[in-house]
Amino acid sequence: MAVTIYDLKPRFQALLRPLVGRLAAVGVTANQVTLLAAAGSVAVGGYVWFVAEARWPFILLPVWLFVRMAMNAIDGMLAQDFGQRSALGAYLNELSDVISDAALYLPFARVEPFGPYSVGAVIVLAGISEMAGALGPMVGAPRRYDGPMGKSDRAFVFGALGLYVGLDAPLTAAAFWLMPAVALLISWNIVNRVRQGIAHAVPHP
């Protein structure tokens, strides 16, 4: 099984646990955090898209991607540790992740030499990857988070790339192959999630 940054999640959650307890105490809900993370992602991604020629706004992406990762951990802990699990929350969690990823990756379509087709392929494959993971419970398996290039890995890659672009560092023609490489790794991710989902599926009588 491929190693992924997601494997570090328990340590990250331990750091956030005191904050989560305080948020729960003042009435903050998991769904509120989920929606706020999605709205923030759309706002940040939209802003960077419209001012992409300036380059420096791309520095916002690594900052927000880290904040969003923390918010994703927080909403999960509120749901699990404070009895806030709900059917609506499950839908919001999955759908908002796909929407947020698309919004935050899209600005790179305006950066040469990437272009809309390679970035678009990454966005589509990222959505399929999350679908492949979410379909696990449909066959009696756990929700799959197998890598490589899962959500946390993509956040690291696009955050680092956002910082690089935001500092107006040079991008040669060879950088074009970065997006196809990411797309290829996500494709591997999809195969892994399907295979592991099947392997852990509960047989129907």
N, C-alpha and C. Protein backbone atom coordinates (compact mmCIF):
# COMPACT_ATOMS: atom_id res chain seq x y z
N MET A 1 0.85 -1.20 0.00
CA MET A 1 0.00 0.00 0.00
C MET A 1 0.88 1.25 0.00
N ALA A 2 0.54 2.22 -0.82
CA ALA A 2 1.34 3.43 -0.95
C ALA A 2 1.24 4.29 0.30
N VAL A 3 2.37 4.89 0.68
CA VAL A 3 2.41 5.77 1.84
C VAL A 3 1.82 7.12 1.45
N THR A 4 1.08 7.73 2.36
CA THR A 4 0.45 9.02 2.09
C THR A 4 0.57 9.91 3.32
N ILE A 5 0.53 11.22 3.09
CA ILE A 5 0.59 12.17 4.20
C ILE A 5 -0.59 11.96 5.15
N TYR A 6 -1.68 11.38 4.64
CA TYR A 6 -2.85 11.11 5.48
C TYR A 6 -2.48 10.25 6.69
N ASP A 7 -1.41 9.46 6.57
CA ASP A 7 -0.99 8.60 7.67
C ASP A 7 -0.55 9.41 8.90
N LEU A 8 -0.26 10.69 8.70
CA LEU A 8 0.15 11.56 9.81
C LEU A 8 -1.05 12.18 10.54
N LYS A 9 -2.25 11.87 10.07
CA LYS A 9 -3.45 12.52 10.60
C LYS A 9 -3.62 12.35 12.11
N PRO A 10 -3.37 11.16 12.70
CA PRO A 10 -3.55 11.03 14.15
C PRO A 10 -2.71 12.01 14.97
N ARG A 11 -1.49 12.28 14.54
CA ARG A 11 -0.64 13.22 15.27
C ARG A 11 -1.18 14.65 15.14
N PHE A 12 -1.66 14.97 13.94
CA PHE A 12 -2.23 16.30 13.71
C PHE A 12 -3.48 16.49 14.55
N GLN A 13 -4.30 15.46 14.64
CA GLN A 13 -5.52 15.53 15.45
C GLN A 13 -5.18 15.74 16.92
N ALA A 14 -4.13 15.09 17.39
CA ALA A 14 -3.74 15.24 18.80
C ALA A 14 -3.40 16.69 19.12
N LEU A 15 -2.77 17.38 18.19
CA LEU A 15 -2.42 18.78 18.40
C LEU A 15 -3.67 19.67 18.43
N LEU A 16 -4.68 19.28 17.67
CA LEU A 16 -5.88 20.10 17.56
C LEU A 16 -6.92 19.79 18.64
N ARG A 17 -6.77 18.67 19.34
CA ARG A 17 -7.82 18.22 20.26
C ARG A 17 -8.23 19.28 21.30
N PRO A 18 -7.30 20.01 21.94
CA PRO A 18 -7.74 21.04 22.89
C PRO A 18 -8.61 22.12 22.25
N LEU A 19 -8.25 22.55 21.04
CA LEU A 19 -9.04 23.56 20.33
C LEU A 19 -10.43 23.01 19.99
N VAL A 20 -10.50 21.76 19.56
CA VAL A 20 -11.78 21.15 19.22
C VAL A 20 -12.69 21.11 20.43
N GLY A 21 -12.14 20.80 21.58
CA GLY A 21 -12.93 20.78 22.80
C GLY A 21 -13.52 22.14 23.12
N ARG A 22 -12.74 23.19 22.92
CA ARG A 22 -13.24 24.54 23.19
C ARG A 22 -14.32 24.94 22.19
N LEU A 23 -14.14 24.55 20.92
CA LEU A 23 -15.14 24.87 19.90
C LEU A 23 -16.46 24.17 20.20
N ALA A 24 -16.38 22.91 20.60
CA ALA A 24 -17.60 22.16 20.94
C ALA A 24 -18.30 22.80 22.13
N ALA A 25 -17.52 23.31 23.08
CA ALA A 25 -18.09 23.89 24.29
C ALA A 25 -18.89 25.16 24.00
N VAL A 26 -18.51 25.88 22.94
CA VAL A 26 -19.24 27.12 22.62
C VAL A 26 -20.30 26.89 21.54
N GLY A 27 -20.53 25.64 21.17
CA GLY A 27 -21.63 25.32 20.27
C GLY A 27 -21.30 25.24 18.79
N VAL A 28 -20.03 25.25 18.44
CA VAL A 28 -19.66 25.12 17.03
C VAL A 28 -19.93 23.69 16.58
N THR A 29 -20.52 23.51 15.40
CA THR A 29 -20.85 22.18 14.91
C THR A 29 -19.92 21.76 13.77
N ALA A 30 -19.86 20.46 13.54
CA ALA A 30 -19.03 19.92 12.47
C ALA A 30 -19.48 20.45 11.11
N ASN A 31 -20.80 20.50 10.89
CA ASN A 31 -21.30 20.96 9.60
C ASN A 31 -20.96 22.43 9.34
N GLN A 32 -20.97 23.24 10.39
CA GLN A 32 -20.59 24.64 10.24
C GLN A 32 -19.14 24.77 9.79
N VAL A 33 -18.27 23.97 10.38
CA VAL A 33 -16.85 23.99 10.01
C VAL A 33 -16.67 23.51 8.58
N THR A 34 -17.39 22.46 8.21
CA THR A 34 -17.30 21.93 6.84
C THR A 34 -17.71 22.98 5.81
N LEU A 35 -18.82 23.64 6.05
CA LEU A 35 -19.31 24.65 5.12
C LEU A 35 -18.38 25.86 5.07
N LEU A 36 -17.83 26.24 6.21
CA LEU A 36 -16.91 27.37 6.24
C LEU A 36 -15.64 27.05 5.46
N ALA A 37 -15.15 25.83 5.58
CA ALA A 37 -13.95 25.41 4.83
C ALA A 37 -14.22 25.45 3.34
N ALA A 38 -15.40 24.98 2.91
CA ALA A 38 -15.74 24.99 1.49
C ALA A 38 -15.90 26.41 0.97
N ALA A 39 -16.60 27.26 1.74
CA ALA A 39 -16.79 28.65 1.32
C ALA A 39 -15.46 29.38 1.23
N GLY A 40 -14.60 29.15 2.19
CA GLY A 40 -13.27 29.78 2.16
C GLY A 40 -12.45 29.32 0.97
N SER A 41 -12.54 28.03 0.64
CA SER A 41 -11.78 27.50 -0.49
C SER A 41 -12.25 28.12 -1.80
N VAL A 42 -13.57 28.23 -1.97
CA VAL A 42 -14.11 28.83 -3.18
C VAL A 42 -13.71 30.31 -3.27
N ALA A 43 -13.76 31.00 -2.13
CA ALA A 43 -13.39 32.42 -2.12
C ALA A 43 -11.91 32.61 -2.45
N VAL A 44 -11.05 31.84 -1.82
CA VAL A 44 -9.60 31.97 -2.06
C VAL A 44 -9.27 31.57 -3.50
N GLY A 45 -9.80 30.42 -3.93
CA GLY A 45 -9.53 29.97 -5.29
C GLY A 45 -10.04 30.95 -6.33
N GLY A 46 -11.24 31.50 -6.11
CA GLY A 46 -11.80 32.47 -7.04
C GLY A 46 -10.98 33.73 -7.11
N TYR A 47 -10.54 34.20 -5.96
CA TYR A 47 -9.72 35.43 -5.94
C TYR A 47 -8.41 35.22 -6.69
N VAL A 48 -7.73 34.10 -6.40
CA VAL A 48 -6.44 33.84 -7.06
C VAL A 48 -6.64 33.68 -8.57
N TRP A 49 -7.73 33.06 -8.98
CA TRP A 49 -8.03 32.89 -10.41
C TRP A 49 -8.12 34.25 -11.11
N PHE A 50 -8.84 35.19 -10.52
CA PHE A 50 -9.09 36.46 -11.17
C PHE A 50 -7.87 37.38 -11.17
N VAL A 51 -6.94 37.17 -10.24
CA VAL A 51 -5.75 38.04 -10.20
C VAL A 51 -4.48 37.23 -10.46
N ALA A 52 -4.62 36.11 -11.17
CA ALA A 52 -3.51 35.18 -11.36
C ALA A 52 -2.31 35.82 -12.06
N GLU A 53 -2.54 36.83 -12.89
CA GLU A 53 -1.42 37.44 -13.60
C GLU A 53 -0.44 38.12 -12.65
N ALA A 54 -0.90 38.50 -11.48
CA ALA A 54 -0.02 39.17 -10.51
C ALA A 54 0.94 38.19 -9.84
N ARG A 55 0.64 36.92 -9.89
CA ARG A 55 1.45 35.85 -9.32
C ARG A 55 1.51 35.83 -7.78
N TRP A 56 1.75 36.96 -7.13
CA TRP A 56 1.93 36.93 -5.67
C TRP A 56 0.71 36.36 -4.94
N PRO A 57 -0.55 36.52 -5.45
CA PRO A 57 -1.68 35.95 -4.70
C PRO A 57 -1.62 34.43 -4.55
N PHE A 58 -0.81 33.75 -5.36
CA PHE A 58 -0.69 32.30 -5.21
C PHE A 58 -0.11 31.91 -3.85
N ILE A 59 0.53 32.86 -3.17
CA ILE A 59 1.05 32.59 -1.83
C ILE A 59 -0.09 32.29 -0.86
N LEU A 60 -1.29 32.80 -1.18
CA LEU A 60 -2.45 32.52 -0.33
C LEU A 60 -2.80 31.03 -0.31
N LEU A 61 -2.48 30.32 -1.39
CA LEU A 61 -2.90 28.93 -1.50
C LEU A 61 -2.27 28.03 -0.44
N PRO A 62 -0.93 28.06 -0.24
CA PRO A 62 -0.39 27.19 0.82
C PRO A 62 -0.91 27.55 2.20
N VAL A 63 -1.14 28.84 2.44
CA VAL A 63 -1.68 29.25 3.74
C VAL A 63 -3.08 28.68 3.93
N TRP A 64 -3.93 28.87 2.92
CA TRP A 64 -5.30 28.39 3.06
C TRP A 64 -5.37 26.87 3.05
N LEU A 65 -4.54 26.20 2.24
CA LEU A 65 -4.56 24.74 2.21
C LEU A 65 -4.24 24.15 3.58
N PHE A 66 -3.32 24.79 4.31
CA PHE A 66 -3.02 24.32 5.66
C PHE A 66 -4.21 24.57 6.58
N VAL A 67 -4.81 25.76 6.48
CA VAL A 67 -5.98 26.07 7.31
C VAL A 67 -7.12 25.11 7.00
N ARG A 68 -7.32 24.84 5.71
CA ARG A 68 -8.39 23.92 5.32
C ARG A 68 -8.13 22.51 5.85
N MET A 69 -6.87 22.07 5.81
CA MET A 69 -6.54 20.75 6.34
C MET A 69 -6.87 20.67 7.83
N ALA A 70 -6.57 21.75 8.55
CA ALA A 70 -6.91 21.79 9.98
C ALA A 70 -8.42 21.76 10.18
N MET A 71 -9.15 22.51 9.36
CA MET A 71 -10.61 22.54 9.48
C MET A 71 -11.23 21.18 9.15
N ASN A 72 -10.64 20.48 8.17
CA ASN A 72 -11.13 19.14 7.85
C ASN A 72 -10.93 18.18 9.02
N ALA A 73 -9.80 18.33 9.70
CA ALA A 73 -9.57 17.48 10.87
C ALA A 73 -10.53 17.86 12.00
N ILE A 74 -10.77 19.16 12.16
CA ILE A 74 -11.64 19.64 13.23
C ILE A 74 -13.07 19.16 13.05
N ASP A 75 -13.60 19.25 11.80
CA ASP A 75 -14.99 18.83 11.62
C ASP A 75 -15.14 17.33 11.84
N GLY A 76 -14.13 16.56 11.46
CA GLY A 76 -14.17 15.13 11.71
C GLY A 76 -14.15 14.79 13.19
N MET A 77 -13.34 15.52 13.95
CA MET A 77 -13.25 15.27 15.40
C MET A 77 -14.52 15.71 16.11
N LEU A 78 -15.10 16.82 15.67
CA LEU A 78 -16.37 17.24 16.26
C LEU A 78 -17.45 16.19 16.01
N ALA A 79 -17.45 15.62 14.81
CA ALA A 79 -18.46 14.61 14.47
C ALA A 79 -18.26 13.33 15.28
N GLN A 80 -17.01 12.88 15.37
CA GLN A 80 -16.74 11.59 16.00
C GLN A 80 -16.70 11.67 17.52
N ASP A 81 -16.05 12.69 18.04
CA ASP A 81 -15.81 12.75 19.49
C ASP A 81 -16.93 13.44 20.26
N PHE A 82 -17.79 14.18 19.55
CA PHE A 82 -18.83 14.94 20.25
C PHE A 82 -20.23 14.62 19.74
N GLY A 83 -20.38 13.44 19.17
CA GLY A 83 -21.70 12.94 18.79
C GLY A 83 -22.42 13.77 17.75
N GLN A 84 -21.68 14.33 16.81
CA GLN A 84 -22.30 15.18 15.80
C GLN A 84 -22.38 14.51 14.43
N ARG A 85 -22.21 13.20 14.38
CA ARG A 85 -22.35 12.49 13.10
C ARG A 85 -23.78 12.64 12.57
N SER A 86 -23.91 12.83 11.27
CA SER A 86 -25.23 12.92 10.66
C SER A 86 -25.14 12.56 9.19
N ALA A 87 -26.29 12.17 8.62
CA ALA A 87 -26.33 11.87 7.18
C ALA A 87 -25.98 13.11 6.37
N LEU A 88 -26.51 14.27 6.77
CA LEU A 88 -26.19 15.51 6.07
C LEU A 88 -24.70 15.79 6.14
N GLY A 89 -24.10 15.57 7.30
CA GLY A 89 -22.68 15.82 7.45
C GLY A 89 -21.83 14.96 6.53
N ALA A 90 -22.26 13.70 6.33
CA ALA A 90 -21.52 12.81 5.43
C ALA A 90 -21.55 13.35 4.01
N TYR A 91 -22.72 13.79 3.56
CA TYR A 91 -22.82 14.36 2.22
C TYR A 91 -22.00 15.64 2.10
N LEU A 92 -22.13 16.53 3.08
CA LEU A 92 -21.40 17.79 3.03
C LEU A 92 -19.90 17.55 3.01
N ASN A 93 -19.44 16.59 3.78
CA ASN A 93 -18.01 16.32 3.88
C ASN A 93 -17.44 15.89 2.53
N GLU A 94 -18.12 14.96 1.87
CA GLU A 94 -17.62 14.45 0.60
C GLU A 94 -17.75 15.48 -0.52
N LEU A 95 -18.91 16.11 -0.63
CA LEU A 95 -19.14 17.05 -1.72
C LEU A 95 -18.29 18.31 -1.58
N SER A 96 -18.14 18.80 -0.35
CA SER A 96 -17.36 20.02 -0.16
C SER A 96 -15.88 19.80 -0.47
N ASP A 97 -15.38 18.59 -0.22
CA ASP A 97 -13.98 18.30 -0.55
C ASP A 97 -13.74 18.40 -2.04
N VAL A 98 -14.64 17.83 -2.84
CA VAL A 98 -14.48 17.87 -4.29
C VAL A 98 -14.58 19.30 -4.81
N ILE A 99 -15.55 20.04 -4.30
CA ILE A 99 -15.72 21.44 -4.71
C ILE A 99 -14.51 22.28 -4.31
N SER A 100 -14.03 22.08 -3.09
CA SER A 100 -12.89 22.86 -2.60
C SER A 100 -11.63 22.56 -3.40
N ASP A 101 -11.38 21.27 -3.67
CA ASP A 101 -10.21 20.91 -4.47
C ASP A 101 -10.25 21.59 -5.83
N ALA A 102 -11.40 21.51 -6.50
CA ALA A 102 -11.53 22.11 -7.82
C ALA A 102 -11.25 23.61 -7.77
N ALA A 103 -11.79 24.29 -6.78
CA ALA A 103 -11.62 25.74 -6.67
C ALA A 103 -10.16 26.12 -6.42
N LEU A 104 -9.45 25.32 -5.64
CA LEU A 104 -8.07 25.66 -5.28
C LEU A 104 -7.06 25.24 -6.33
N TYR A 105 -7.38 24.24 -7.15
CA TYR A 105 -6.46 23.83 -8.21
C TYR A 105 -6.65 24.66 -9.48
N LEU A 106 -7.86 25.15 -9.69
CA LEU A 106 -8.20 25.82 -10.94
C LEU A 106 -7.30 27.01 -11.29
N PRO A 107 -6.86 27.83 -10.33
CA PRO A 107 -6.01 28.97 -10.71
C PRO A 107 -4.75 28.59 -11.45
N PHE A 108 -4.25 27.37 -11.26
CA PHE A 108 -3.02 26.96 -11.95
C PHE A 108 -3.24 26.79 -13.45
N ALA A 109 -4.52 26.72 -13.87
CA ALA A 109 -4.81 26.65 -15.30
C ALA A 109 -4.40 27.94 -16.01
N ARG A 110 -4.23 29.01 -15.26
CA ARG A 110 -3.83 30.30 -15.84
C ARG A 110 -2.33 30.53 -15.75
N VAL A 111 -1.61 29.49 -15.33
CA VAL A 111 -0.16 29.60 -15.19
C VAL A 111 0.52 28.79 -16.29
N GLU A 112 1.37 29.42 -17.06
CA GLU A 112 2.16 28.70 -18.06
C GLU A 112 3.34 28.03 -17.36
N PRO A 113 3.67 26.79 -17.74
CA PRO A 113 3.21 26.06 -18.92
C PRO A 113 2.13 25.01 -18.62
N PHE A 114 1.37 25.16 -17.54
CA PHE A 114 0.42 24.11 -17.16
C PHE A 114 -0.79 24.08 -18.11
N GLY A 115 -1.57 25.13 -18.13
CA GLY A 115 -2.70 25.21 -19.04
C GLY A 115 -3.94 24.50 -18.53
N PRO A 116 -5.08 24.75 -19.17
CA PRO A 116 -6.37 24.25 -18.67
C PRO A 116 -6.56 22.75 -18.79
N TYR A 117 -5.96 22.12 -19.80
CA TYR A 117 -6.23 20.70 -20.02
C TYR A 117 -5.59 19.82 -18.96
N SER A 118 -4.32 20.07 -18.66
CA SER A 118 -3.65 19.24 -17.66
C SER A 118 -4.20 19.49 -16.27
N VAL A 119 -4.49 20.75 -15.94
CA VAL A 119 -5.08 21.05 -14.63
C VAL A 119 -6.50 20.50 -14.56
N GLY A 120 -7.23 20.62 -15.66
CA GLY A 120 -8.58 20.05 -15.69
C GLY A 120 -8.58 18.56 -15.48
N ALA A 121 -7.59 17.87 -16.05
CA ALA A 121 -7.49 16.41 -15.85
C ALA A 121 -7.25 16.08 -14.39
N VAL A 122 -6.39 16.86 -13.74
CA VAL A 122 -6.13 16.64 -12.31
C VAL A 122 -7.41 16.84 -11.49
N ILE A 123 -8.16 17.89 -11.81
CA ILE A 123 -9.40 18.17 -11.07
C ILE A 123 -10.40 17.04 -11.24
N VAL A 124 -10.56 16.56 -12.47
CA VAL A 124 -11.51 15.46 -12.71
C VAL A 124 -11.07 14.19 -12.00
N LEU A 125 -9.80 13.85 -12.10
CA LEU A 125 -9.29 12.64 -11.46
C LEU A 125 -9.36 12.73 -9.94
N ALA A 126 -9.13 13.93 -9.40
CA ALA A 126 -9.25 14.11 -7.95
C ALA A 126 -10.67 13.83 -7.49
N GLY A 127 -11.66 14.29 -8.27
CA GLY A 127 -13.05 14.01 -7.95
C GLY A 127 -13.36 12.52 -8.01
N ILE A 128 -12.83 11.83 -9.04
CA ILE A 128 -13.05 10.38 -9.17
C ILE A 128 -12.38 9.65 -8.01
N SER A 129 -11.21 10.12 -7.61
CA SER A 129 -10.50 9.51 -6.49
C SER A 129 -11.33 9.56 -5.21
N GLU A 130 -11.92 10.74 -4.94
CA GLU A 130 -12.73 10.85 -3.73
C GLU A 130 -13.99 9.99 -3.84
N MET A 131 -14.54 9.88 -5.05
CA MET A 131 -15.70 9.00 -5.24
C MET A 131 -15.31 7.55 -4.98
N ALA A 132 -14.15 7.14 -5.49
CA ALA A 132 -13.69 5.77 -5.28
C ALA A 132 -13.51 5.47 -3.80
N GLY A 133 -13.03 6.46 -3.05
CA GLY A 133 -12.88 6.26 -1.61
C GLY A 133 -14.21 6.20 -0.90
N ALA A 134 -15.14 7.10 -1.30
CA ALA A 134 -16.44 7.18 -0.64
C ALA A 134 -17.32 5.97 -0.93
N LEU A 135 -17.06 5.27 -2.03
CA LEU A 135 -17.88 4.11 -2.39
C LEU A 135 -17.54 2.87 -1.57
N GLY A 136 -16.47 2.93 -0.79
CA GLY A 136 -16.10 1.78 0.04
C GLY A 136 -17.24 1.25 0.89
N PRO A 137 -17.91 2.11 1.68
CA PRO A 137 -19.02 1.63 2.52
C PRO A 137 -20.17 1.01 1.72
N MET A 138 -20.27 1.34 0.44
CA MET A 138 -21.34 0.79 -0.38
C MET A 138 -21.19 -0.72 -0.58
N VAL A 139 -19.93 -1.19 -0.50
CA VAL A 139 -19.68 -2.63 -0.64
C VAL A 139 -19.32 -3.27 0.70
N GLY A 140 -19.54 -2.52 1.78
CA GLY A 140 -19.27 -3.06 3.10
C GLY A 140 -17.85 -2.88 3.57
N ALA A 141 -17.06 -2.05 2.85
CA ALA A 141 -15.68 -1.76 3.24
C ALA A 141 -15.62 -0.40 3.93
N PRO A 142 -14.53 -0.10 4.64
CA PRO A 142 -14.39 1.24 5.20
C PRO A 142 -14.20 2.28 4.10
N ARG A 143 -14.40 3.53 4.42
CA ARG A 143 -14.08 4.63 3.51
C ARG A 143 -12.59 4.54 3.23
N ARG A 144 -12.20 4.53 1.96
CA ARG A 144 -10.81 4.32 1.59
C ARG A 144 -10.07 5.65 1.44
N TYR A 145 -8.86 5.70 2.01
CA TYR A 145 -8.01 6.89 1.90
C TYR A 145 -6.65 6.53 1.30
N ASP A 146 -6.57 5.44 0.57
CA ASP A 146 -5.29 4.98 0.04
C ASP A 146 -4.65 6.02 -0.88
N GLY A 147 -3.32 6.04 -0.85
CA GLY A 147 -2.56 6.89 -1.75
C GLY A 147 -2.11 6.10 -2.96
N PRO A 148 -1.21 6.67 -3.75
CA PRO A 148 -0.56 7.97 -3.53
C PRO A 148 -1.43 9.13 -4.03
N MET A 149 -1.02 10.33 -3.70
CA MET A 149 -1.66 11.56 -4.15
C MET A 149 -3.13 11.63 -3.73
N GLY A 150 -3.37 11.29 -2.45
CA GLY A 150 -4.67 11.53 -1.86
C GLY A 150 -4.82 13.01 -1.54
N LYS A 151 -5.90 13.36 -0.85
CA LYS A 151 -6.21 14.77 -0.60
C LYS A 151 -5.08 15.49 0.13
N SER A 152 -4.52 14.87 1.15
CA SER A 152 -3.44 15.52 1.91
C SER A 152 -2.19 15.67 1.06
N ASP A 153 -1.87 14.65 0.26
CA ASP A 153 -0.70 14.73 -0.62
C ASP A 153 -0.87 15.84 -1.65
N ARG A 154 -2.09 15.93 -2.21
CA ARG A 154 -2.35 16.98 -3.20
C ARG A 154 -2.25 18.36 -2.56
N ALA A 155 -2.72 18.48 -1.32
CA ALA A 155 -2.62 19.76 -0.63
C ALA A 155 -1.16 20.18 -0.48
N PHE A 156 -0.29 19.22 -0.17
CA PHE A 156 1.13 19.52 -0.03
C PHE A 156 1.73 19.95 -1.37
N VAL A 157 1.42 19.20 -2.44
CA VAL A 157 1.98 19.50 -3.76
C VAL A 157 1.50 20.87 -4.25
N PHE A 158 0.20 21.12 -4.18
CA PHE A 158 -0.32 22.38 -4.70
C PHE A 158 0.03 23.55 -3.78
N GLY A 159 0.18 23.28 -2.49
CA GLY A 159 0.63 24.33 -1.59
C GLY A 159 2.06 24.75 -1.90
N ALA A 160 2.94 23.75 -2.11
CA ALA A 160 4.33 24.05 -2.45
C ALA A 160 4.42 24.75 -3.80
N LEU A 161 3.61 24.30 -4.76
CA LEU A 161 3.61 24.93 -6.08
C LEU A 161 3.07 26.35 -6.01
N GLY A 162 2.04 26.55 -5.17
CA GLY A 162 1.51 27.90 -5.00
C GLY A 162 2.55 28.85 -4.43
N LEU A 163 3.33 28.37 -3.47
CA LEU A 163 4.39 29.19 -2.90
C LEU A 163 5.44 29.52 -3.96
N TYR A 164 5.80 28.52 -4.76
CA TYR A 164 6.80 28.72 -5.80
C TYR A 164 6.33 29.74 -6.83
N VAL A 165 5.10 29.59 -7.29
CA VAL A 165 4.54 30.53 -8.27
C VAL A 165 4.38 31.91 -7.65
N GLY A 166 3.90 31.95 -6.39
CA GLY A 166 3.68 33.22 -5.72
C GLY A 166 4.95 34.03 -5.53
N LEU A 167 6.08 33.34 -5.41
CA LEU A 167 7.37 34.03 -5.29
C LEU A 167 7.93 34.41 -6.65
N ASP A 168 7.14 34.16 -7.71
CA ASP A 168 7.51 34.49 -9.09
C ASP A 168 8.79 33.80 -9.51
N ALA A 169 8.96 32.58 -9.03
CA ALA A 169 10.12 31.77 -9.43
C ALA A 169 9.90 31.28 -10.86
N PRO A 170 10.99 31.03 -11.59
CA PRO A 170 10.85 30.66 -13.00
C PRO A 170 10.27 29.25 -13.19
N LEU A 171 9.43 29.11 -14.20
CA LEU A 171 8.87 27.82 -14.58
C LEU A 171 9.29 27.53 -16.02
N THR A 172 10.10 26.50 -16.21
CA THR A 172 10.55 26.14 -17.55
C THR A 172 9.48 25.31 -18.25
N ALA A 173 9.68 25.06 -19.53
CA ALA A 173 8.74 24.26 -20.30
C ALA A 173 8.61 22.86 -19.73
N ALA A 174 9.67 22.37 -19.09
CA ALA A 174 9.65 21.02 -18.52
C ALA A 174 8.64 20.90 -17.38
N ALA A 175 8.28 22.04 -16.76
CA ALA A 175 7.30 22.02 -15.66
C ALA A 175 5.93 21.57 -16.14
N PHE A 176 5.71 21.61 -17.46
CA PHE A 176 4.43 21.14 -18.01
C PHE A 176 4.12 19.72 -17.55
N TRP A 177 5.14 18.90 -17.37
CA TRP A 177 4.93 17.49 -17.06
C TRP A 177 4.57 17.25 -15.61
N LEU A 178 4.59 18.30 -14.80
CA LEU A 178 4.21 18.13 -13.39
C LEU A 178 2.75 17.70 -13.26
N MET A 179 1.87 18.38 -13.98
CA MET A 179 0.44 18.04 -13.87
C MET A 179 0.14 16.63 -14.40
N PRO A 180 0.68 16.22 -15.55
CA PRO A 180 0.47 14.83 -15.95
C PRO A 180 1.00 13.83 -14.93
N ALA A 181 2.11 14.17 -14.26
CA ALA A 181 2.65 13.27 -13.24
C ALA A 181 1.69 13.15 -12.06
N VAL A 182 1.13 14.29 -11.64
CA VAL A 182 0.14 14.28 -10.57
C VAL A 182 -1.08 13.47 -10.99
N ALA A 183 -1.53 13.68 -12.23
CA ALA A 183 -2.69 12.93 -12.74
C ALA A 183 -2.42 11.43 -12.75
N LEU A 184 -1.21 11.04 -13.14
CA LEU A 184 -0.85 9.62 -13.17
C LEU A 184 -0.87 9.02 -11.76
N LEU A 185 -0.36 9.76 -10.79
CA LEU A 185 -0.36 9.28 -9.40
C LEU A 185 -1.78 9.17 -8.86
N ILE A 186 -2.64 10.12 -9.22
CA ILE A 186 -4.04 10.03 -8.78
C ILE A 186 -4.71 8.82 -9.41
N SER A 187 -4.36 8.53 -10.66
CA SER A 187 -4.92 7.34 -11.31
C SER A 187 -4.51 6.07 -10.56
N TRP A 188 -3.27 6.03 -10.13
CA TRP A 188 -2.79 4.90 -9.31
C TRP A 188 -3.59 4.85 -8.01
N ASN A 189 -3.82 6.00 -7.44
CA ASN A 189 -4.61 6.13 -6.21
C ASN A 189 -6.01 5.52 -6.41
N ILE A 190 -6.65 5.84 -7.53
CA ILE A 190 -8.00 5.33 -7.81
C ILE A 190 -7.99 3.81 -7.87
N VAL A 191 -7.00 3.25 -8.57
CA VAL A 191 -6.89 1.79 -8.66
C VAL A 191 -6.69 1.19 -7.28
N ASN A 192 -5.84 1.80 -6.46
CA ASN A 192 -5.59 1.30 -5.11
C ASN A 192 -6.87 1.31 -4.27
N ARG A 193 -7.63 2.39 -4.37
CA ARG A 193 -8.85 2.50 -3.56
C ARG A 193 -9.90 1.47 -3.98
N VAL A 194 -10.01 1.26 -5.28
CA VAL A 194 -10.96 0.25 -5.75
C VAL A 194 -10.51 -1.14 -5.31
N ARG A 195 -9.23 -1.44 -5.50
CA ARG A 195 -8.73 -2.77 -5.13
C ARG A 195 -8.87 -3.03 -3.64
N GLN A 196 -8.51 -2.04 -2.82
CA GLN A 196 -8.61 -2.22 -1.37
C GLN A 196 -10.06 -2.28 -0.91
N GLY A 197 -10.93 -1.51 -1.58
CA GLY A 197 -12.35 -1.59 -1.26
C GLY A 197 -12.91 -2.97 -1.53
N ILE A 198 -12.52 -3.54 -2.68
CA ILE A 198 -12.97 -4.89 -3.02
C ILE A 198 -12.40 -5.91 -2.04
N ALA A 199 -11.12 -5.73 -1.68
CA ALA A 199 -10.47 -6.68 -0.78
C ALA A 199 -11.11 -6.69 0.60
N HIS A 200 -11.64 -5.54 1.03
CA HIS A 200 -12.24 -5.43 2.36
C HIS A 200 -13.76 -5.47 2.33
N ALA A 201 -14.32 -5.76 1.15
CA ALA A 201 -15.77 -5.79 1.03
C ALA A 201 -16.37 -6.95 1.82
N VAL A 202 -17.55 -6.72 2.33
CA VAL A 202 -18.28 -7.78 3.04
C VAL A 202 -19.14 -8.51 2.01
N PRO A 203 -18.92 -9.82 1.81
CA PRO A 203 -19.68 -10.55 0.79
C PRO A 203 -21.17 -10.57 1.11
N HIS A 204 -21.98 -10.42 0.07
CA HIS A 204 -23.42 -10.51 0.26
C HIS A 204 -23.81 -11.98 0.34
N PRO A 205 -24.76 -12.33 1.19
CA PRO A 205 -25.18 -13.73 1.29
C PRO A 205 -25.88 -14.18 0.02
